[in-house]
């Protein structure tokens, strides 16, 4: 099957000074073939997702930073969407200044 939908977790970030950041962090996880399967999963597992998902993401942050789960939902898998996403790859300065290898 085509894994068209993904579980979406949206987190708000609070810095060590207690200020909530404007940014929201979205994490896409677990693939589903249909939107209905994803919605059923969210309805059945939202309590577990809240506990474990929040704990997992909190463990990724530096000391003093806090996250709160602001949304659990379903999203179209970006890998299968019709729209293309432009990706800019940044290189360290020393690589940018290096001459191109001659052929």
N, C-alpha and C. Protein backbone atom coordinates (compact mmCIF):
# COMPACT_ATOMS: atom_id res chain seq x y z
N UNK A 1 0.83 -1.19 0.00
CA UNK A 1 0.00 0.00 0.00
C UNK A 1 0.87 1.26 0.00
N UNK A 2 0.27 2.34 -0.37
CA UNK A 2 0.94 3.63 -0.36
C UNK A 2 0.70 4.27 1.00
N UNK A 3 1.76 4.60 1.68
CA UNK A 3 1.65 5.20 3.02
C UNK A 3 1.40 6.70 2.84
N UNK A 4 0.14 7.09 2.66
CA UNK A 4 -0.23 8.44 2.28
C UNK A 4 -0.33 9.40 3.46
N UNK A 5 -0.65 8.92 4.64
CA UNK A 5 -0.84 9.79 5.80
C UNK A 5 0.14 9.45 6.92
N UNK A 6 0.43 10.47 7.73
CA UNK A 6 1.35 10.28 8.85
C UNK A 6 0.77 10.90 10.11
N UNK A 7 1.15 10.33 11.24
CA UNK A 7 0.79 10.89 12.53
C UNK A 7 1.55 12.20 12.71
N UNK A 8 0.85 13.26 13.09
CA UNK A 8 1.44 14.58 13.29
C UNK A 8 1.38 14.94 14.77
N UNK A 9 2.52 15.27 15.34
CA UNK A 9 2.58 15.77 16.71
C UNK A 9 3.13 17.18 16.64
N UNK A 10 2.42 18.14 17.24
CA UNK A 10 2.87 19.53 17.25
C UNK A 10 3.19 19.93 18.69
N UNK A 11 4.38 20.49 18.88
CA UNK A 11 4.86 20.85 20.20
C UNK A 11 5.17 22.34 20.29
N UNK A 12 4.81 22.93 21.43
CA UNK A 12 5.21 24.28 21.76
C UNK A 12 6.47 24.18 22.60
N UNK A 13 7.38 25.14 22.44
CA UNK A 13 8.66 25.12 23.14
C UNK A 13 8.73 26.28 24.11
N UNK A 14 9.17 26.02 25.34
CA UNK A 14 9.38 27.06 26.35
C UNK A 14 10.86 27.07 26.71
N UNK A 15 11.46 28.26 26.64
CA UNK A 15 12.90 28.37 26.92
C UNK A 15 13.16 28.36 28.43
N UNK A 16 14.43 28.28 28.83
CA UNK A 16 14.76 28.19 30.26
C UNK A 16 14.28 29.39 31.08
N UNK A 17 14.02 30.54 30.43
CA UNK A 17 13.51 31.71 31.14
C UNK A 17 11.99 31.70 31.29
N UNK A 18 11.34 30.66 30.78
CA UNK A 18 9.89 30.54 30.90
C UNK A 18 9.11 31.19 29.78
N UNK A 19 9.80 31.66 28.75
CA UNK A 19 9.13 32.30 27.62
C UNK A 19 8.76 31.25 26.57
N UNK A 20 7.50 31.22 26.17
CA UNK A 20 7.06 30.31 25.12
C UNK A 20 7.50 30.88 23.78
N UNK A 21 8.19 30.06 23.00
CA UNK A 21 8.69 30.49 21.70
C UNK A 21 7.55 30.59 20.70
N UNK A 22 7.74 31.43 19.67
CA UNK A 22 6.74 31.55 18.61
C UNK A 22 6.68 30.30 17.74
N UNK A 23 7.81 29.61 17.64
CA UNK A 23 7.88 28.44 16.77
C UNK A 23 7.10 27.26 17.35
N UNK A 24 6.53 26.48 16.46
CA UNK A 24 5.93 25.20 16.82
C UNK A 24 6.73 24.13 16.12
N UNK A 25 7.09 23.08 16.83
CA UNK A 25 7.85 21.98 16.25
C UNK A 25 6.86 20.88 15.86
N UNK A 26 6.89 20.49 14.59
CA UNK A 26 6.04 19.41 14.10
C UNK A 26 6.88 18.17 13.89
N UNK A 27 6.41 17.07 14.41
CA UNK A 27 7.08 15.78 14.20
C UNK A 27 6.09 14.87 13.49
N UNK A 28 6.54 14.34 12.35
CA UNK A 28 5.73 13.37 11.62
C UNK A 28 6.25 11.99 11.97
N UNK A 29 5.33 11.11 12.32
CA UNK A 29 5.70 9.78 12.78
C UNK A 29 4.67 8.79 12.25
N UNK A 30 4.99 7.58 12.23
CA UNK A 30 4.10 6.47 11.88
C UNK A 30 3.29 6.73 10.61
N UNK A 31 3.36 5.81 9.68
CA UNK A 31 2.69 5.93 8.39
C UNK A 31 1.37 5.15 8.38
N UNK A 32 0.40 5.68 7.60
CA UNK A 32 -0.90 5.04 7.45
C UNK A 32 -1.30 5.06 5.98
N UNK A 33 -2.03 4.03 5.56
CA UNK A 33 -2.49 3.96 4.18
C UNK A 33 -3.65 4.90 3.91
N UNK A 34 -4.51 5.12 4.92
CA UNK A 34 -5.67 5.99 4.71
C UNK A 34 -5.81 6.98 5.87
N UNK A 35 -6.50 8.05 5.58
CA UNK A 35 -6.77 9.06 6.61
C UNK A 35 -7.60 8.44 7.74
N UNK A 36 -8.54 7.59 7.39
CA UNK A 36 -9.40 6.96 8.39
C UNK A 36 -8.59 6.09 9.36
N UNK A 37 -7.61 5.35 8.85
CA UNK A 37 -6.75 4.54 9.74
C UNK A 37 -5.98 5.44 10.70
N UNK A 38 -5.49 6.55 10.19
CA UNK A 38 -4.74 7.48 11.03
C UNK A 38 -5.63 8.08 12.12
N UNK A 39 -6.82 8.51 11.74
CA UNK A 39 -7.75 9.12 12.70
C UNK A 39 -8.14 8.11 13.78
N UNK A 40 -8.42 6.87 13.38
CA UNK A 40 -8.76 5.83 14.34
C UNK A 40 -7.61 5.60 15.31
N UNK A 41 -6.37 5.57 14.79
CA UNK A 41 -5.20 5.39 15.64
C UNK A 41 -5.09 6.53 16.65
N UNK A 42 -5.28 7.76 16.20
CA UNK A 42 -5.20 8.92 17.09
C UNK A 42 -6.27 8.82 18.18
N UNK A 43 -7.48 8.46 17.80
CA UNK A 43 -8.56 8.35 18.78
C UNK A 43 -8.29 7.25 19.79
N UNK A 44 -7.76 6.12 19.33
CA UNK A 44 -7.51 4.98 20.22
C UNK A 44 -6.29 5.16 21.11
N UNK A 45 -5.28 5.88 20.63
CA UNK A 45 -3.99 5.95 21.31
C UNK A 45 -3.60 7.34 21.79
N UNK A 46 -4.49 8.31 21.74
CA UNK A 46 -4.11 9.70 22.06
C UNK A 46 -3.54 9.85 23.48
N UNK A 47 -4.07 9.12 24.45
CA UNK A 47 -3.54 9.21 25.81
C UNK A 47 -2.11 8.72 25.90
N UNK A 48 -1.85 7.57 25.27
CA UNK A 48 -0.49 7.02 25.26
C UNK A 48 0.44 7.92 24.48
N UNK A 49 -0.04 8.45 23.35
CA UNK A 49 0.77 9.36 22.53
C UNK A 49 1.15 10.59 23.35
N UNK A 50 0.19 11.14 24.08
CA UNK A 50 0.47 12.32 24.91
C UNK A 50 1.57 12.04 25.91
N UNK A 51 1.48 10.93 26.62
CA UNK A 51 2.47 10.60 27.64
C UNK A 51 3.84 10.28 27.05
N UNK A 52 3.87 9.30 26.15
CA UNK A 52 5.15 8.84 25.61
C UNK A 52 5.76 9.82 24.63
N UNK A 53 4.92 10.43 23.78
CA UNK A 53 5.44 11.39 22.80
C UNK A 53 6.05 12.60 23.48
N UNK A 54 5.36 13.11 24.48
CA UNK A 54 5.86 14.26 25.22
C UNK A 54 7.15 13.92 25.95
N UNK A 55 7.18 12.77 26.58
CA UNK A 55 8.37 12.33 27.31
C UNK A 55 9.56 12.14 26.36
N UNK A 56 9.32 11.56 25.21
CA UNK A 56 10.39 11.32 24.23
C UNK A 56 10.97 12.63 23.72
N UNK A 57 10.12 13.56 23.34
CA UNK A 57 10.62 14.84 22.81
C UNK A 57 11.29 15.65 23.91
N UNK A 58 10.75 15.63 25.11
CA UNK A 58 11.37 16.35 26.22
C UNK A 58 12.79 15.84 26.46
N UNK A 59 12.99 14.55 26.29
CA UNK A 59 14.31 13.96 26.47
C UNK A 59 15.33 14.39 25.42
N UNK A 60 14.88 14.97 24.32
CA UNK A 60 15.77 15.42 23.25
C UNK A 60 16.29 16.84 23.48
N UNK A 61 15.70 17.54 24.44
CA UNK A 61 16.04 18.95 24.63
C UNK A 61 17.10 19.15 25.70
N UNK A 62 17.79 20.27 25.60
CA UNK A 62 18.78 20.64 26.61
C UNK A 62 18.06 20.95 27.92
N UNK A 63 18.81 20.86 29.01
CA UNK A 63 18.26 21.12 30.33
C UNK A 63 17.65 22.52 30.39
N UNK A 64 16.49 22.62 31.00
CA UNK A 64 15.82 23.91 31.17
C UNK A 64 14.76 24.19 30.11
N UNK A 65 14.88 23.59 28.95
CA UNK A 65 13.90 23.77 27.89
C UNK A 65 12.74 22.81 28.13
N UNK A 66 11.51 23.24 27.85
CA UNK A 66 10.32 22.42 28.07
C UNK A 66 9.48 22.38 26.80
N UNK A 67 8.78 21.29 26.62
CA UNK A 67 7.84 21.17 25.51
C UNK A 67 6.46 20.87 26.07
N UNK A 68 5.45 21.28 25.32
CA UNK A 68 4.09 20.88 25.62
C UNK A 68 3.44 20.46 24.31
N UNK A 69 2.67 19.40 24.36
CA UNK A 69 2.01 18.87 23.18
C UNK A 69 0.78 19.71 22.90
N UNK A 70 0.76 20.37 21.75
CA UNK A 70 -0.36 21.24 21.43
C UNK A 70 -1.33 20.64 20.42
N UNK A 71 -0.90 19.59 19.71
CA UNK A 71 -1.79 18.98 18.72
C UNK A 71 -1.36 17.56 18.41
N UNK A 72 -2.34 16.68 18.27
CA UNK A 72 -2.13 15.34 17.73
C UNK A 72 -3.09 15.22 16.56
N UNK A 73 -2.58 14.85 15.41
CA UNK A 73 -3.45 14.75 14.25
C UNK A 73 -2.85 13.91 13.15
N UNK A 74 -3.40 14.07 11.96
CA UNK A 74 -2.95 13.34 10.79
C UNK A 74 -2.59 14.34 9.71
N UNK A 75 -1.55 14.01 8.96
CA UNK A 75 -1.08 14.90 7.90
C UNK A 75 -0.75 14.07 6.68
N UNK A 76 -0.82 14.72 5.54
CA UNK A 76 -0.40 14.06 4.30
C UNK A 76 1.10 13.83 4.38
N UNK A 77 1.54 12.66 3.98
CA UNK A 77 2.96 12.33 3.95
C UNK A 77 3.64 13.23 2.93
N UNK A 78 4.60 14.07 3.35
CA UNK A 78 5.24 14.97 2.40
C UNK A 78 5.95 14.24 1.25
N UNK A 79 6.36 13.00 1.49
CA UNK A 79 7.04 12.25 0.43
C UNK A 79 6.09 11.86 -0.69
N UNK A 80 4.78 11.84 -0.42
CA UNK A 80 3.81 11.44 -1.43
C UNK A 80 2.94 12.59 -1.90
N UNK A 81 3.17 13.79 -1.39
CA UNK A 81 2.33 14.91 -1.79
C UNK A 81 2.71 15.39 -3.18
N UNK A 82 1.78 16.03 -3.82
CA UNK A 82 2.00 16.53 -5.18
C UNK A 82 2.93 17.74 -5.17
N UNK A 83 2.81 18.57 -4.15
CA UNK A 83 3.67 19.74 -4.06
C UNK A 83 5.10 19.31 -3.81
N UNK A 84 6.02 20.06 -4.37
CA UNK A 84 7.42 19.76 -4.11
C UNK A 84 7.93 20.70 -3.03
N UNK A 85 8.87 20.23 -2.29
CA UNK A 85 9.47 21.03 -1.23
C UNK A 85 10.90 21.32 -1.63
N UNK A 86 11.26 22.59 -1.61
CA UNK A 86 12.63 22.96 -1.94
C UNK A 86 13.48 22.81 -0.69
N UNK A 87 14.63 22.22 -0.85
CA UNK A 87 15.54 22.03 0.26
C UNK A 87 16.82 22.77 -0.04
N UNK A 88 17.25 23.59 0.88
CA UNK A 88 18.52 24.29 0.74
C UNK A 88 19.52 23.59 1.63
N UNK A 89 20.62 23.17 1.06
CA UNK A 89 21.66 22.51 1.84
C UNK A 89 22.77 23.51 2.08
N UNK A 90 23.11 23.71 3.34
CA UNK A 90 24.14 24.64 3.71
C UNK A 90 25.46 23.90 3.87
N UNK A 91 26.53 24.57 3.42
CA UNK A 91 27.86 24.00 3.55
C UNK A 91 28.68 24.89 4.48
N UNK A 92 29.58 24.30 5.25
CA UNK A 92 30.49 25.13 6.05
C UNK A 92 31.27 26.07 5.14
N UNK A 93 31.63 27.25 5.66
CA UNK A 93 32.31 28.26 4.85
C UNK A 93 33.54 27.75 4.14
N UNK A 94 34.36 26.94 4.82
CA UNK A 94 35.59 26.48 4.18
C UNK A 94 35.30 25.62 2.96
N UNK A 95 34.17 24.90 2.94
CA UNK A 95 33.81 24.10 1.77
C UNK A 95 33.32 25.00 0.65
N UNK A 96 32.63 26.11 0.97
CA UNK A 96 32.14 27.02 -0.04
C UNK A 96 33.28 27.70 -0.78
N UNK A 97 34.37 28.02 -0.08
CA UNK A 97 35.49 28.74 -0.66
C UNK A 97 36.47 27.82 -1.39
N UNK A 98 36.35 26.54 -1.19
CA UNK A 98 37.30 25.59 -1.80
C UNK A 98 37.10 25.57 -3.29
N UNK A 99 38.20 25.51 -4.07
CA UNK A 99 38.05 25.46 -5.52
C UNK A 99 37.43 24.14 -5.96
N UNK A 100 36.71 24.20 -7.08
CA UNK A 100 36.11 23.01 -7.64
C UNK A 100 37.21 22.06 -8.12
N UNK A 101 37.06 20.77 -7.94
CA UNK A 101 38.07 19.84 -8.45
C UNK A 101 38.08 19.86 -9.98
N UNK A 102 39.27 19.80 -10.58
CA UNK A 102 39.36 19.80 -12.04
C UNK A 102 39.13 18.40 -12.55
N UNK A 103 38.57 18.34 -13.76
CA UNK A 103 38.23 17.03 -14.34
C UNK A 103 39.35 16.50 -15.18
